[in-house]
N, C-alpha and C. Protein backbone atom coordinates (compact mmCIF):
# COMPACT_ATOMS: atom_id res chain seq x y z
N MET A 1 37.41 18.04 9.88
CA MET A 1 35.96 18.28 9.88
C MET A 1 35.68 19.75 9.58
N LYS A 2 34.59 20.02 8.87
CA LYS A 2 34.24 21.39 8.49
C LYS A 2 34.07 22.28 9.72
N ALA A 3 34.64 23.47 9.64
CA ALA A 3 34.50 24.43 10.73
C ALA A 3 33.05 24.90 10.78
N ALA A 4 32.36 24.54 11.85
CA ALA A 4 30.95 24.89 12.01
C ALA A 4 30.58 24.68 13.47
N LEU A 5 29.46 25.26 13.85
CA LEU A 5 28.90 25.01 15.16
C LEU A 5 27.85 23.92 15.03
N TYR A 6 27.98 22.87 15.82
CA TYR A 6 27.03 21.76 15.81
C TYR A 6 26.29 21.73 17.16
N GLY A 7 24.99 22.01 17.13
CA GLY A 7 24.18 21.91 18.34
C GLY A 7 23.70 20.48 18.48
N ILE A 8 24.26 19.76 19.44
CA ILE A 8 24.05 18.31 19.52
C ILE A 8 23.17 17.93 20.72
N GLY A 9 22.03 17.32 20.42
CA GLY A 9 21.17 16.81 21.48
C GLY A 9 21.72 15.50 22.02
N VAL A 10 21.96 15.44 23.34
CA VAL A 10 22.50 14.22 23.94
C VAL A 10 21.42 13.39 24.63
N GLY A 11 20.14 13.77 24.41
CA GLY A 11 19.05 13.02 25.02
C GLY A 11 18.77 13.49 26.43
N PRO A 12 17.83 12.85 27.11
CA PRO A 12 17.36 13.33 28.41
C PRO A 12 18.23 12.94 29.61
N GLY A 13 19.05 11.91 29.49
CA GLY A 13 19.83 11.52 30.67
C GLY A 13 20.58 10.21 30.51
N ASP A 14 19.95 9.24 29.89
CA ASP A 14 20.57 7.93 29.67
C ASP A 14 21.49 8.03 28.45
N PHE A 15 22.79 7.83 28.66
CA PHE A 15 23.73 8.01 27.55
C PHE A 15 23.49 7.01 26.41
N GLU A 16 22.81 5.89 26.70
CA GLU A 16 22.51 4.93 25.64
C GLU A 16 21.47 5.45 24.66
N LEU A 17 20.81 6.55 24.99
CA LEU A 17 19.84 7.16 24.09
C LEU A 17 20.49 8.17 23.15
N MET A 18 21.79 8.38 23.29
CA MET A 18 22.48 9.26 22.34
C MET A 18 22.51 8.59 20.98
N THR A 19 22.34 9.38 19.93
CA THR A 19 22.33 8.82 18.58
C THR A 19 23.75 8.53 18.10
N LEU A 20 23.85 7.65 17.11
CA LEU A 20 25.15 7.35 16.51
C LEU A 20 25.75 8.62 15.89
N LYS A 21 24.90 9.43 15.30
CA LYS A 21 25.38 10.66 14.68
C LYS A 21 25.95 11.62 15.72
N ALA A 22 25.26 11.73 16.86
CA ALA A 22 25.75 12.60 17.93
C ALA A 22 27.12 12.14 18.40
N VAL A 23 27.26 10.83 18.62
CA VAL A 23 28.54 10.28 19.08
C VAL A 23 29.63 10.54 18.06
N ARG A 24 29.32 10.34 16.78
CA ARG A 24 30.34 10.54 15.73
C ARG A 24 30.79 11.98 15.66
N ILE A 25 29.85 12.91 15.66
CA ILE A 25 30.22 14.31 15.51
C ILE A 25 30.97 14.82 16.74
N ILE A 26 30.57 14.39 17.92
CA ILE A 26 31.31 14.78 19.12
C ILE A 26 32.74 14.26 19.04
N SER A 27 32.89 13.04 18.54
CA SER A 27 34.22 12.43 18.42
C SER A 27 35.10 13.19 17.43
N GLU A 28 34.48 13.73 16.37
CA GLU A 28 35.24 14.35 15.28
C GLU A 28 35.51 15.84 15.48
N THR A 29 34.69 16.53 16.25
CA THR A 29 34.89 17.96 16.42
C THR A 29 36.11 18.25 17.30
N GLU A 30 36.71 19.42 17.08
CA GLU A 30 37.93 19.79 17.79
C GLU A 30 37.64 20.35 19.18
N LEU A 31 36.53 21.04 19.29
CA LEU A 31 36.24 21.77 20.53
C LEU A 31 34.85 21.40 21.03
N ILE A 32 34.71 21.17 22.33
CA ILE A 32 33.41 20.88 22.94
C ILE A 32 32.97 22.08 23.75
N ALA A 33 31.84 22.69 23.37
CA ALA A 33 31.27 23.80 24.13
C ALA A 33 30.23 23.24 25.09
N VAL A 34 30.37 23.62 26.34
CA VAL A 34 29.51 23.05 27.39
C VAL A 34 28.84 24.18 28.18
N PRO A 35 27.50 24.17 28.27
CA PRO A 35 26.82 25.17 29.09
C PRO A 35 27.07 24.91 30.57
N ARG A 36 27.31 25.99 31.32
CA ARG A 36 27.56 25.87 32.76
C ARG A 36 26.63 26.83 33.50
N THR A 37 25.97 26.35 34.56
CA THR A 37 25.06 27.17 35.34
C THR A 37 25.81 27.81 36.51
N ASP A 38 25.08 28.59 37.31
CA ASP A 38 25.67 29.19 38.50
C ASP A 38 26.18 28.14 39.47
N GLU A 39 25.54 26.97 39.47
CA GLU A 39 25.94 25.88 40.36
C GLU A 39 27.08 25.06 39.76
N LYS A 40 27.59 25.51 38.60
CA LYS A 40 28.69 24.85 37.89
C LYS A 40 28.33 23.43 37.45
N GLU A 41 27.03 23.20 37.25
CA GLU A 41 26.59 21.90 36.76
C GLU A 41 26.77 21.83 35.25
N MET A 42 27.25 20.69 34.76
CA MET A 42 27.42 20.48 33.32
C MET A 42 26.79 19.14 32.98
N THR A 43 25.46 19.10 33.05
CA THR A 43 24.71 17.85 32.91
C THR A 43 24.93 17.20 31.55
N ALA A 44 24.86 17.98 30.48
CA ALA A 44 25.02 17.42 29.13
C ALA A 44 26.41 16.80 28.97
N TRP A 45 27.41 17.44 29.51
CA TRP A 45 28.78 16.91 29.47
C TRP A 45 28.86 15.56 30.19
N ASN A 46 28.24 15.49 31.36
CA ASN A 46 28.28 14.25 32.15
C ASN A 46 27.60 13.09 31.44
N ILE A 47 26.59 13.39 30.62
CA ILE A 47 25.94 12.34 29.84
C ILE A 47 26.85 11.91 28.70
N ALA A 48 27.35 12.88 27.95
CA ALA A 48 28.14 12.58 26.75
C ALA A 48 29.43 11.83 27.06
N LYS A 49 30.06 12.14 28.18
CA LYS A 49 31.34 11.52 28.48
C LYS A 49 31.23 10.02 28.76
N GLN A 50 30.00 9.54 28.97
CA GLN A 50 29.79 8.11 29.16
C GLN A 50 29.75 7.36 27.83
N ALA A 51 29.54 8.11 26.74
CA ALA A 51 29.44 7.50 25.41
C ALA A 51 30.64 7.82 24.52
N VAL A 52 31.34 8.90 24.83
CA VAL A 52 32.45 9.36 24.00
C VAL A 52 33.64 9.68 24.90
N ASP A 53 34.84 9.33 24.45
CA ASP A 53 36.05 9.69 25.20
C ASP A 53 36.33 11.17 24.99
N LEU A 54 36.10 11.96 26.03
CA LEU A 54 36.30 13.40 25.95
C LEU A 54 37.58 13.85 26.64
N SER A 55 38.38 12.91 27.08
CA SER A 55 39.56 13.23 27.88
C SER A 55 40.58 14.09 27.15
N THR A 56 40.63 14.00 25.82
CA THR A 56 41.63 14.76 25.05
C THR A 56 41.01 15.98 24.36
N LYS A 57 39.73 16.23 24.60
CA LYS A 57 39.05 17.32 23.91
C LYS A 57 39.33 18.67 24.59
N GLU A 58 39.41 19.69 23.76
CA GLU A 58 39.49 21.05 24.27
C GLU A 58 38.08 21.48 24.67
N ILE A 59 37.94 22.04 25.87
CA ILE A 59 36.62 22.37 26.41
C ILE A 59 36.44 23.88 26.49
N LEU A 60 35.29 24.35 26.04
CA LEU A 60 34.92 25.75 26.16
C LEU A 60 33.67 25.84 27.03
N GLU A 61 33.83 26.32 28.27
CA GLU A 61 32.69 26.46 29.17
C GLU A 61 31.99 27.77 28.88
N LEU A 62 30.68 27.71 28.71
CA LEU A 62 29.88 28.89 28.42
C LEU A 62 28.89 29.12 29.56
N TYR A 63 28.95 30.26 30.16
CA TYR A 63 28.08 30.56 31.31
C TYR A 63 26.65 30.81 30.83
N MET A 64 25.74 29.97 31.32
CA MET A 64 24.33 30.06 30.98
C MET A 64 23.50 30.11 32.28
N PRO A 65 23.21 31.30 32.80
CA PRO A 65 22.49 31.41 34.08
C PRO A 65 21.05 30.91 33.96
N MET A 66 20.58 30.29 35.03
CA MET A 66 19.19 29.83 35.10
C MET A 66 18.35 30.97 35.63
N THR A 67 17.91 31.84 34.73
CA THR A 67 17.16 33.03 35.12
C THR A 67 16.19 33.41 34.01
N ARG A 68 15.22 34.25 34.36
CA ARG A 68 14.31 34.81 33.36
C ARG A 68 14.53 36.31 33.19
N ASP A 69 15.59 36.80 33.78
CA ASP A 69 15.95 38.20 33.61
C ASP A 69 16.38 38.42 32.17
N ALA A 70 15.57 39.14 31.40
CA ALA A 70 15.80 39.29 29.96
C ALA A 70 17.16 39.90 29.65
N GLN A 71 17.55 40.91 30.42
CA GLN A 71 18.83 41.58 30.16
C GLN A 71 20.01 40.64 30.42
N MET A 72 19.92 39.89 31.52
CA MET A 72 20.99 38.95 31.86
C MET A 72 21.10 37.84 30.81
N LEU A 73 19.95 37.36 30.35
CA LEU A 73 19.95 36.31 29.33
C LEU A 73 20.53 36.82 28.02
N GLU A 74 20.11 38.01 27.62
CA GLU A 74 20.62 38.61 26.38
C GLU A 74 22.14 38.74 26.43
N GLN A 75 22.65 39.21 27.56
CA GLN A 75 24.09 39.39 27.71
C GLN A 75 24.84 38.06 27.65
N SER A 76 24.33 37.06 28.38
CA SER A 76 25.01 35.75 28.42
C SER A 76 24.97 35.07 27.06
N HIS A 77 23.84 35.18 26.36
CA HIS A 77 23.74 34.58 25.02
C HIS A 77 24.70 35.25 24.04
N GLN A 78 24.77 36.57 24.10
CA GLN A 78 25.66 37.29 23.19
C GLN A 78 27.12 36.97 23.48
N GLU A 79 27.49 36.95 24.74
CA GLU A 79 28.88 36.65 25.10
C GLU A 79 29.26 35.24 24.70
N ALA A 80 28.34 34.29 24.91
CA ALA A 80 28.63 32.90 24.53
C ALA A 80 28.76 32.77 23.02
N ALA A 81 27.89 33.44 22.27
CA ALA A 81 27.96 33.38 20.81
C ALA A 81 29.28 33.97 20.32
N GLU A 82 29.72 35.04 20.93
CA GLU A 82 30.99 35.68 20.53
C GLU A 82 32.17 34.75 20.80
N GLN A 83 32.11 34.02 21.92
CA GLN A 83 33.18 33.06 22.22
C GLN A 83 33.25 31.96 21.16
N ILE A 84 32.08 31.50 20.74
CA ILE A 84 32.03 30.46 19.71
C ILE A 84 32.52 31.00 18.37
N ILE A 85 32.08 32.20 18.03
CA ILE A 85 32.50 32.80 16.76
C ILE A 85 34.02 32.98 16.72
N ASP A 86 34.61 33.32 17.85
CA ASP A 86 36.08 33.44 17.92
C ASP A 86 36.75 32.13 17.53
N GLN A 87 36.15 31.01 17.93
CA GLN A 87 36.71 29.70 17.59
C GLN A 87 36.49 29.36 16.12
N LEU A 88 35.32 29.73 15.60
CA LEU A 88 35.03 29.48 14.19
C LEU A 88 35.96 30.29 13.29
N LYS A 89 36.33 31.49 13.74
CA LYS A 89 37.27 32.31 12.98
C LYS A 89 38.63 31.63 12.86
N GLN A 90 38.93 30.76 13.84
CA GLN A 90 40.19 30.01 13.82
C GLN A 90 40.05 28.70 13.06
N ASN A 91 38.90 28.58 12.34
CA ASN A 91 38.62 27.41 11.51
C ASN A 91 38.46 26.12 12.32
N LYS A 92 37.94 26.26 13.55
CA LYS A 92 37.71 25.10 14.40
C LYS A 92 36.25 24.64 14.30
N SER A 93 36.04 23.35 14.46
CA SER A 93 34.68 22.80 14.54
C SER A 93 34.29 22.73 16.02
N VAL A 94 33.07 23.15 16.32
CA VAL A 94 32.62 23.26 17.71
C VAL A 94 31.34 22.44 17.92
N ALA A 95 31.36 21.57 18.92
CA ALA A 95 30.16 20.80 19.29
C ALA A 95 29.59 21.38 20.58
N PHE A 96 28.39 21.91 20.52
CA PHE A 96 27.71 22.41 21.71
C PHE A 96 26.77 21.32 22.20
N LEU A 97 26.98 20.84 23.42
CA LEU A 97 26.18 19.76 23.97
C LEU A 97 24.97 20.31 24.71
N THR A 98 23.80 19.78 24.37
CA THR A 98 22.58 20.23 25.02
C THR A 98 21.69 19.04 25.35
N LEU A 99 20.94 19.14 26.43
CA LEU A 99 20.03 18.07 26.83
C LEU A 99 18.88 17.91 25.84
N GLY A 100 18.37 16.69 25.75
CA GLY A 100 17.21 16.43 24.89
C GLY A 100 17.51 16.70 23.44
N ASP A 101 16.67 17.52 22.82
CA ASP A 101 16.81 17.88 21.40
C ASP A 101 17.04 19.38 21.32
N PRO A 102 17.98 19.83 20.49
CA PRO A 102 18.31 21.26 20.45
C PRO A 102 17.21 22.16 19.92
N SER A 103 16.19 21.59 19.29
CA SER A 103 15.11 22.41 18.74
C SER A 103 13.93 22.56 19.70
N ILE A 104 14.02 21.97 20.91
CA ILE A 104 12.90 22.01 21.86
C ILE A 104 13.33 22.69 23.16
N TYR A 105 12.92 23.94 23.33
CA TYR A 105 13.21 24.71 24.56
C TYR A 105 14.68 24.65 24.95
N SER A 106 15.56 24.72 23.99
CA SER A 106 16.99 24.63 24.28
C SER A 106 17.64 26.01 24.25
N THR A 107 18.46 26.29 25.26
CA THR A 107 19.22 27.54 25.29
C THR A 107 20.12 27.64 24.06
N TYR A 108 20.54 26.49 23.56
CA TYR A 108 21.46 26.47 22.43
C TYR A 108 20.95 27.29 21.25
N ILE A 109 19.64 27.28 21.02
CA ILE A 109 19.10 27.87 19.79
C ILE A 109 19.40 29.36 19.70
N TYR A 110 19.53 30.03 20.86
CA TYR A 110 19.85 31.47 20.86
C TYR A 110 21.25 31.71 20.32
N LEU A 111 22.16 30.78 20.58
CA LEU A 111 23.52 30.88 20.05
C LEU A 111 23.52 30.51 18.57
N HIS A 112 22.77 29.48 18.23
CA HIS A 112 22.64 29.01 16.85
C HIS A 112 22.23 30.17 15.93
N ASN A 113 21.20 30.89 16.34
CA ASN A 113 20.70 31.99 15.52
C ASN A 113 21.71 33.12 15.39
N ARG A 114 22.41 33.42 16.48
CA ARG A 114 23.41 34.48 16.44
C ARG A 114 24.58 34.12 15.53
N VAL A 115 24.99 32.87 15.58
CA VAL A 115 26.11 32.42 14.73
C VAL A 115 25.72 32.48 13.27
N LEU A 116 24.50 32.06 12.95
CA LEU A 116 24.02 32.14 11.57
C LEU A 116 23.94 33.59 11.10
N GLU A 117 23.42 34.46 11.97
CA GLU A 117 23.29 35.88 11.61
C GLU A 117 24.65 36.53 11.37
N ALA A 118 25.68 36.00 12.04
CA ALA A 118 27.03 36.54 11.87
C ALA A 118 27.70 36.00 10.61
N GLY A 119 27.02 35.09 9.90
CA GLY A 119 27.53 34.58 8.64
C GLY A 119 28.33 33.30 8.73
N TYR A 120 28.23 32.61 9.86
CA TYR A 120 28.96 31.35 10.04
C TYR A 120 28.00 30.16 9.96
N ASP A 121 28.56 28.99 9.80
CA ASP A 121 27.77 27.77 9.63
C ASP A 121 27.38 27.21 11.00
N ALA A 122 26.10 26.88 11.16
CA ALA A 122 25.61 26.26 12.39
C ALA A 122 24.58 25.20 12.02
N ARG A 123 24.65 24.04 12.65
CA ARG A 123 23.80 22.92 12.28
C ARG A 123 23.17 22.27 13.53
N LEU A 124 21.96 21.74 13.35
CA LEU A 124 21.24 21.06 14.43
C LEU A 124 21.39 19.56 14.29
N ILE A 125 21.79 18.90 15.38
CA ILE A 125 21.88 17.44 15.41
C ILE A 125 20.84 16.95 16.42
N PRO A 126 19.76 16.34 15.95
CA PRO A 126 18.65 16.00 16.84
C PRO A 126 19.00 14.96 17.90
N GLY A 127 18.26 15.04 19.00
CA GLY A 127 18.42 14.07 20.08
C GLY A 127 17.06 13.59 20.54
N VAL A 128 17.02 12.57 21.39
CA VAL A 128 15.76 12.05 21.92
C VAL A 128 15.17 13.07 22.90
N PRO A 129 13.95 13.57 22.66
CA PRO A 129 13.34 14.52 23.59
C PRO A 129 12.97 13.86 24.91
N SER A 130 12.97 14.64 25.97
CA SER A 130 12.67 14.09 27.29
C SER A 130 11.28 13.46 27.35
N PHE A 131 10.30 14.08 26.66
CA PHE A 131 8.94 13.54 26.78
C PHE A 131 8.79 12.19 26.09
N CYS A 132 9.60 11.92 25.07
CA CYS A 132 9.57 10.59 24.45
C CYS A 132 10.17 9.55 25.39
N ALA A 133 11.27 9.92 26.05
CA ALA A 133 11.89 9.00 27.01
C ALA A 133 10.97 8.77 28.21
N VAL A 134 10.27 9.81 28.64
CA VAL A 134 9.34 9.68 29.78
C VAL A 134 8.17 8.78 29.42
N ALA A 135 7.62 8.94 28.23
CA ALA A 135 6.52 8.07 27.80
C ALA A 135 6.96 6.61 27.78
N ALA A 136 8.18 6.37 27.30
CA ALA A 136 8.72 5.00 27.29
C ALA A 136 8.91 4.48 28.70
N ARG A 137 9.41 5.34 29.59
CA ARG A 137 9.62 4.93 30.99
C ARG A 137 8.30 4.59 31.65
N LEU A 138 7.23 5.34 31.34
CA LEU A 138 5.91 5.10 31.91
C LEU A 138 5.15 4.00 31.18
N ASN A 139 5.70 3.58 30.03
CA ASN A 139 5.09 2.51 29.23
C ASN A 139 3.72 2.90 28.70
N VAL A 140 3.60 4.18 28.27
CA VAL A 140 2.32 4.67 27.72
C VAL A 140 2.60 5.36 26.38
N PRO A 141 1.64 5.33 25.45
CA PRO A 141 1.80 6.06 24.19
C PRO A 141 1.56 7.55 24.42
N LEU A 142 2.20 8.38 23.64
CA LEU A 142 1.95 9.81 23.73
C LEU A 142 0.66 10.18 23.00
N CYS A 143 0.44 9.60 21.83
CA CYS A 143 -0.77 9.91 21.08
C CYS A 143 -1.06 8.77 20.11
N GLU A 144 -2.34 8.61 19.82
CA GLU A 144 -2.78 7.53 18.92
C GLU A 144 -3.79 8.09 17.92
N GLY A 145 -3.84 7.49 16.74
CA GLY A 145 -4.84 7.89 15.75
C GLY A 145 -4.77 9.37 15.43
N ALA A 146 -5.89 10.07 15.63
CA ALA A 146 -5.97 11.50 15.33
C ALA A 146 -5.75 12.37 16.56
N GLN A 147 -5.30 11.76 17.67
CA GLN A 147 -5.06 12.53 18.90
C GLN A 147 -3.96 13.57 18.70
N PRO A 148 -4.22 14.82 19.07
CA PRO A 148 -3.15 15.82 19.02
C PRO A 148 -2.22 15.69 20.24
N LEU A 149 -1.03 16.23 20.10
CA LEU A 149 -0.04 16.24 21.18
C LEU A 149 0.38 17.68 21.41
N HIS A 150 0.25 18.16 22.66
CA HIS A 150 0.57 19.54 22.98
C HIS A 150 1.77 19.59 23.94
N ILE A 151 2.80 20.36 23.56
CA ILE A 151 3.97 20.53 24.40
C ILE A 151 3.85 21.90 25.07
N ILE A 152 3.75 21.91 26.40
CA ILE A 152 3.40 23.14 27.12
C ILE A 152 4.49 23.52 28.12
N PRO A 153 4.99 24.77 28.07
CA PRO A 153 5.93 25.24 29.10
C PRO A 153 5.14 25.65 30.34
N ALA A 154 5.02 24.74 31.29
CA ALA A 154 4.00 24.85 32.34
C ALA A 154 4.25 25.93 33.37
N SER A 155 5.43 26.51 33.43
CA SER A 155 5.69 27.51 34.46
C SER A 155 5.47 28.93 33.95
N TYR A 156 4.94 29.08 32.75
CA TYR A 156 4.71 30.41 32.18
C TYR A 156 3.24 30.81 32.28
N GLU A 157 3.00 32.11 32.38
CA GLU A 157 1.65 32.63 32.53
C GLU A 157 0.77 32.21 31.35
N GLY A 158 -0.43 31.76 31.68
CA GLY A 158 -1.39 31.36 30.65
C GLY A 158 -1.28 29.92 30.20
N SER A 159 -0.27 29.21 30.70
CA SER A 159 -0.05 27.84 30.22
C SER A 159 -1.15 26.88 30.66
N PHE A 160 -1.80 27.18 31.79
CA PHE A 160 -2.83 26.26 32.29
C PHE A 160 -4.07 26.24 31.39
N ASP A 161 -4.24 27.26 30.58
CA ASP A 161 -5.39 27.29 29.67
C ASP A 161 -5.35 26.12 28.70
N TYR A 162 -4.14 25.68 28.38
CA TYR A 162 -3.99 24.59 27.41
C TYR A 162 -4.43 23.23 27.96
N LEU A 163 -4.58 23.15 29.27
CA LEU A 163 -5.01 21.89 29.87
C LEU A 163 -6.43 21.52 29.46
N ASP A 164 -7.17 22.51 28.99
CA ASP A 164 -8.56 22.26 28.56
C ASP A 164 -8.62 21.74 27.12
N TRP A 165 -7.51 21.74 26.43
CA TRP A 165 -7.49 21.25 25.05
C TRP A 165 -7.58 19.73 25.02
N GLY A 166 -8.09 19.20 23.92
CA GLY A 166 -8.15 17.75 23.76
C GLY A 166 -6.78 17.18 23.45
N GLY A 167 -6.65 15.89 23.58
CA GLY A 167 -5.38 15.23 23.28
C GLY A 167 -4.47 15.11 24.48
N THR A 168 -3.25 14.70 24.24
CA THR A 168 -2.25 14.52 25.30
C THR A 168 -1.50 15.82 25.52
N LYS A 169 -1.31 16.18 26.80
CA LYS A 169 -0.55 17.36 27.15
C LYS A 169 0.76 16.94 27.82
N VAL A 170 1.86 17.49 27.33
CA VAL A 170 3.17 17.29 27.96
C VAL A 170 3.55 18.60 28.63
N LEU A 171 3.73 18.56 29.94
CA LEU A 171 4.07 19.76 30.69
C LEU A 171 5.57 19.74 30.98
N MET A 172 6.26 20.71 30.41
CA MET A 172 7.69 20.85 30.63
C MET A 172 7.96 22.13 31.41
N LYS A 173 9.20 22.28 31.89
CA LYS A 173 9.62 23.48 32.62
C LYS A 173 8.73 23.75 33.84
N SER A 174 8.28 22.69 34.50
CA SER A 174 7.33 22.86 35.60
C SER A 174 7.97 22.80 36.98
N GLY A 175 9.28 22.56 37.05
CA GLY A 175 9.93 22.30 38.33
C GLY A 175 9.66 23.34 39.41
N LYS A 176 10.01 24.62 39.15
CA LYS A 176 9.87 25.67 40.16
C LYS A 176 8.41 25.94 40.52
N GLU A 177 7.51 25.68 39.58
CA GLU A 177 6.09 25.96 39.79
C GLU A 177 5.29 24.68 40.01
N PHE A 178 5.96 23.62 40.47
CA PHE A 178 5.28 22.34 40.58
C PHE A 178 4.05 22.41 41.49
N GLY A 179 4.15 23.17 42.59
CA GLY A 179 3.01 23.28 43.50
C GLY A 179 1.78 23.83 42.79
N LYS A 180 1.96 24.88 42.00
CA LYS A 180 0.84 25.48 41.26
C LYS A 180 0.32 24.53 40.18
N VAL A 181 1.25 23.82 39.53
CA VAL A 181 0.85 22.86 38.49
C VAL A 181 0.01 21.76 39.11
N LYS A 182 0.45 21.25 40.25
CA LYS A 182 -0.30 20.18 40.92
C LYS A 182 -1.69 20.66 41.32
N GLU A 183 -1.79 21.86 41.87
CA GLU A 183 -3.09 22.40 42.28
C GLU A 183 -4.03 22.52 41.08
N GLU A 184 -3.48 22.95 39.95
CA GLU A 184 -4.30 23.12 38.75
C GLU A 184 -4.79 21.77 38.24
N LEU A 185 -3.92 20.78 38.26
CA LEU A 185 -4.31 19.44 37.81
C LEU A 185 -5.40 18.86 38.72
N ILE A 186 -5.29 19.12 40.01
CA ILE A 186 -6.29 18.64 40.96
C ILE A 186 -7.61 19.36 40.72
N SER A 187 -7.55 20.69 40.55
CA SER A 187 -8.78 21.48 40.37
C SER A 187 -9.52 21.10 39.09
N LYS A 188 -8.78 20.68 38.07
CA LYS A 188 -9.39 20.29 36.80
C LYS A 188 -9.70 18.78 36.75
N ASP A 189 -9.52 18.12 37.88
CA ASP A 189 -9.80 16.68 38.01
C ASP A 189 -9.01 15.87 36.98
N LEU A 190 -7.73 16.22 36.83
CA LEU A 190 -6.88 15.54 35.84
C LEU A 190 -5.83 14.63 36.48
N VAL A 191 -5.84 14.53 37.80
CA VAL A 191 -4.81 13.75 38.48
C VAL A 191 -4.81 12.30 38.02
N LYS A 192 -5.98 11.73 37.84
CA LYS A 192 -6.05 10.32 37.43
C LYS A 192 -5.62 10.10 35.98
N HIS A 193 -5.40 11.21 35.27
CA HIS A 193 -4.94 11.15 33.88
C HIS A 193 -3.43 11.46 33.78
N THR A 194 -2.79 11.66 34.92
CA THR A 194 -1.46 12.27 34.94
C THR A 194 -0.40 11.40 35.61
N GLN A 195 0.81 11.43 35.02
CA GLN A 195 1.99 10.83 35.64
C GLN A 195 3.19 11.73 35.35
N MET A 196 4.24 11.57 36.15
CA MET A 196 5.41 12.43 36.00
C MET A 196 6.69 11.63 36.23
N VAL A 197 7.74 12.04 35.54
CA VAL A 197 9.07 11.48 35.79
C VAL A 197 10.06 12.63 35.98
N GLU A 198 10.80 12.56 37.07
CA GLU A 198 11.88 13.51 37.31
C GLU A 198 13.20 12.89 36.86
N CYS A 199 14.03 13.68 36.22
CA CYS A 199 15.40 13.27 35.87
C CYS A 199 15.41 11.92 35.14
N CYS A 200 14.60 11.79 34.11
CA CYS A 200 14.47 10.53 33.39
C CYS A 200 15.81 10.06 32.84
N GLY A 201 16.18 8.84 33.18
CA GLY A 201 17.42 8.25 32.70
C GLY A 201 18.65 8.62 33.50
N MET A 202 18.49 9.48 34.48
CA MET A 202 19.61 9.89 35.33
C MET A 202 19.62 9.06 36.61
N PRO A 203 20.74 9.05 37.35
CA PRO A 203 20.79 8.28 38.60
C PRO A 203 19.72 8.71 39.61
N SER A 204 19.30 9.98 39.55
CA SER A 204 18.31 10.49 40.49
C SER A 204 16.87 10.37 39.98
N GLU A 205 16.66 9.55 38.96
CA GLU A 205 15.31 9.39 38.37
C GLU A 205 14.27 9.04 39.42
N ARG A 206 13.10 9.68 39.29
CA ARG A 206 11.98 9.37 40.19
C ARG A 206 10.69 9.36 39.38
N VAL A 207 9.95 8.25 39.48
CA VAL A 207 8.66 8.12 38.78
C VAL A 207 7.55 8.41 39.77
N ILE A 208 6.67 9.34 39.40
CA ILE A 208 5.55 9.71 40.28
C ILE A 208 4.25 9.44 39.53
N LYS A 209 3.54 8.44 39.98
CA LYS A 209 2.29 8.05 39.30
C LYS A 209 1.06 8.70 39.92
N ASP A 210 1.20 9.22 41.14
CA ASP A 210 0.09 9.92 41.78
C ASP A 210 0.56 11.33 42.12
N ILE A 211 0.26 12.26 41.24
CA ILE A 211 0.72 13.64 41.40
C ILE A 211 0.20 14.25 42.71
N SER A 212 -1.01 13.90 43.10
CA SER A 212 -1.61 14.51 44.29
C SER A 212 -0.83 14.17 45.56
N ALA A 213 -0.10 13.05 45.54
CA ALA A 213 0.66 12.63 46.73
C ALA A 213 2.08 13.19 46.74
N ALA A 214 2.49 13.80 45.65
CA ALA A 214 3.85 14.34 45.56
C ALA A 214 3.96 15.62 46.39
N GLU A 215 5.03 15.73 47.16
CA GLU A 215 5.22 16.88 48.03
C GLU A 215 6.49 17.63 47.66
N GLY A 216 6.53 18.91 48.05
CA GLY A 216 7.73 19.70 47.85
C GLY A 216 7.92 20.14 46.41
N LYS A 217 9.13 20.60 46.12
CA LYS A 217 9.46 21.05 44.78
C LYS A 217 9.83 19.88 43.89
N ALA A 218 9.69 20.07 42.61
CA ALA A 218 10.10 19.06 41.64
C ALA A 218 11.41 19.52 40.99
N SER A 219 12.16 18.57 40.49
CA SER A 219 13.41 18.89 39.81
C SER A 219 13.14 19.72 38.55
N TYR A 220 14.12 20.52 38.16
CA TYR A 220 14.02 21.26 36.91
C TYR A 220 13.81 20.29 35.75
N PHE A 221 14.40 19.09 35.86
CA PHE A 221 14.29 18.07 34.81
C PHE A 221 13.08 17.17 35.07
N SER A 222 11.91 17.79 35.13
CA SER A 222 10.66 17.06 35.36
C SER A 222 9.76 17.19 34.15
N THR A 223 9.13 16.08 33.77
CA THR A 223 8.20 16.08 32.65
C THR A 223 6.91 15.40 33.08
N ILE A 224 5.79 16.08 32.86
CA ILE A 224 4.47 15.58 33.25
C ILE A 224 3.67 15.25 32.00
N ILE A 225 3.05 14.09 31.99
CA ILE A 225 2.20 13.69 30.87
C ILE A 225 0.75 13.59 31.34
N VAL A 226 -0.13 14.33 30.67
CA VAL A 226 -1.56 14.33 31.00
C VAL A 226 -2.30 13.73 29.80
N LYS A 227 -2.95 12.61 30.03
CA LYS A 227 -3.67 11.92 28.97
C LYS A 227 -5.15 12.34 28.95
N GLU A 228 -5.83 12.02 27.85
CA GLU A 228 -7.27 12.32 27.75
C GLU A 228 -8.09 11.38 28.62
N LYS A 229 -7.65 10.13 28.66
CA LYS A 229 -8.37 9.12 29.43
C LYS A 229 -7.57 8.73 30.66
N GLU A 230 -8.28 8.21 31.65
CA GLU A 230 -7.60 7.78 32.86
C GLU A 230 -6.51 6.75 32.54
N ILE A 231 -5.34 6.95 33.16
CA ILE A 231 -4.20 6.07 32.91
C ILE A 231 -4.31 4.79 33.74
N VAL A 232 -4.11 3.66 33.10
CA VAL A 232 -4.06 2.39 33.82
C VAL A 232 -2.68 2.27 34.45
N ARG A 233 -2.63 2.28 35.76
CA ARG A 233 -1.34 2.32 36.47
C ARG A 233 -0.87 0.92 36.82
């Protein structure tokens, strides 16, 4: 197989949502690069290994801290890219496993850009985005006709302004700020338009149809869908 970095989306959690192309490329690549957090969690790996035999694969663990510290992120991204480039120099093909789709809020893209800038080949292999799987789990359409669809990183400053826009709003990255997100949805009288799924497709999946009744923190893998019209539950 051609020596290149392949950023492979493994979907949101259910290994049956992995694409045939993702399975094929993972099977054919020599090296599997896996992001690892401070808690040593390797969620994408755990999904992929249910669809592909990874027992004989060479594994490259890349430290990816869950932080917003710009300096720490810059350092970890650069170090991970350098580790991958070292493998590409040896003419190896590398599959980087990432949740959902690599083009949507994925840490992978920072490595992708660095590898390309260094003059090496890097390719995106799409996966099922979490919000598509969540809409299917909730049995609701994301958008119809001329309805716009807005993908919002809900834990960032200014993100609540987008709740006033027309169309369907998908709130991602809301886990740590779930309390504030819930308060904002209540204040804007959007609770009856809203549903949420935590860890969609994973063993710990939780469907929350009444956001106002949800207590405590939400999982990092939480996706909230806010519709224009009241949702029939």
